[in-house]
Amino acid sequence: MISNKRNIVLIDDDAAMRSILSSVLTDADYKVELAATGQEGLSMLTSQCFDMVLLDLGLLDMDGMDLLLEVRKWSEIPVIIVSSRSDENSIVAAFEAGADDYMVKPVGTRELLARLDYAYRQSIRFVSSKNCINYIYHIDELKVDMERRVVSIDNKTVHLTQNEFRIIALLAKNAGKVMNYEKIISSIWGPYAGKENLTLRVNMANIRKKFYKAGASRDYIVTEVGIGYRMLESK
């Protein structure tokens, strides 16, 4: 079963601010990764799986707005701006670039956590492609619980890695549709992963092995040779 902790990356060049916010988030049961530069943050985002991003705009190596625009080329991950820039132009520009929320430093702890919780719940609505946060994909003995991040076969939990779950969630929300290799790879590993599908095929093989080991009566993921994968439609 995937951990219920929400994973967040904090990108801020201010060491004191990183320390304060990291402590607040950890106490609130978040799993926190820290980045002191924009490039470090981008590297993390393209190689790891996160639920949310806390982003400062005044980074040393690049403007946070440029980082936001780059991320929005390939990801809908919630991005919350935490910046000392309080002018209207900066705030409007951030929202136009794709920010989910904007907070001006210094930020209140309770308000920050409330905004993060809201952004997360909104992202669950997007991931499930349903207008509710507790959408469950269900076909025969297979269940994929989007909110709890639990996959089960005949009520027996299938222990997936985070990327394996993300693959299943992506296919489940598009059940019945063929998802090509490039779309899946960019959605899971980011735009710099390339078009080589070996990693995807290895993950898919592991998922299928785990499904059958848990007692799956058939293959719920159809391979469209040379194209991609399609998950059977739920009933």
Foldseek 3Di string as FASTA:
>chain_A
DDDLAAEEEEEALDPVVCVVVVVLSVVVRHHYHYHNALVRVVVCVQAHDGQEYEYEQDGDPHGRLVSLLQCVVQELRAYEYEYQDDDPVVQVSSVVSRHPYYHHPPDDSVVVVVSVVVSSQVVCCVLLVHNGNQDWFDAQQWIQGSNSRFIAGVPHTQDADPLLSSLVSNQSSVAPDFDFQQSSSCHRRNDVPDSDCPVVVVSVVVVVVSCVVRPDPDDQWDAPPPTGIHGHHGD
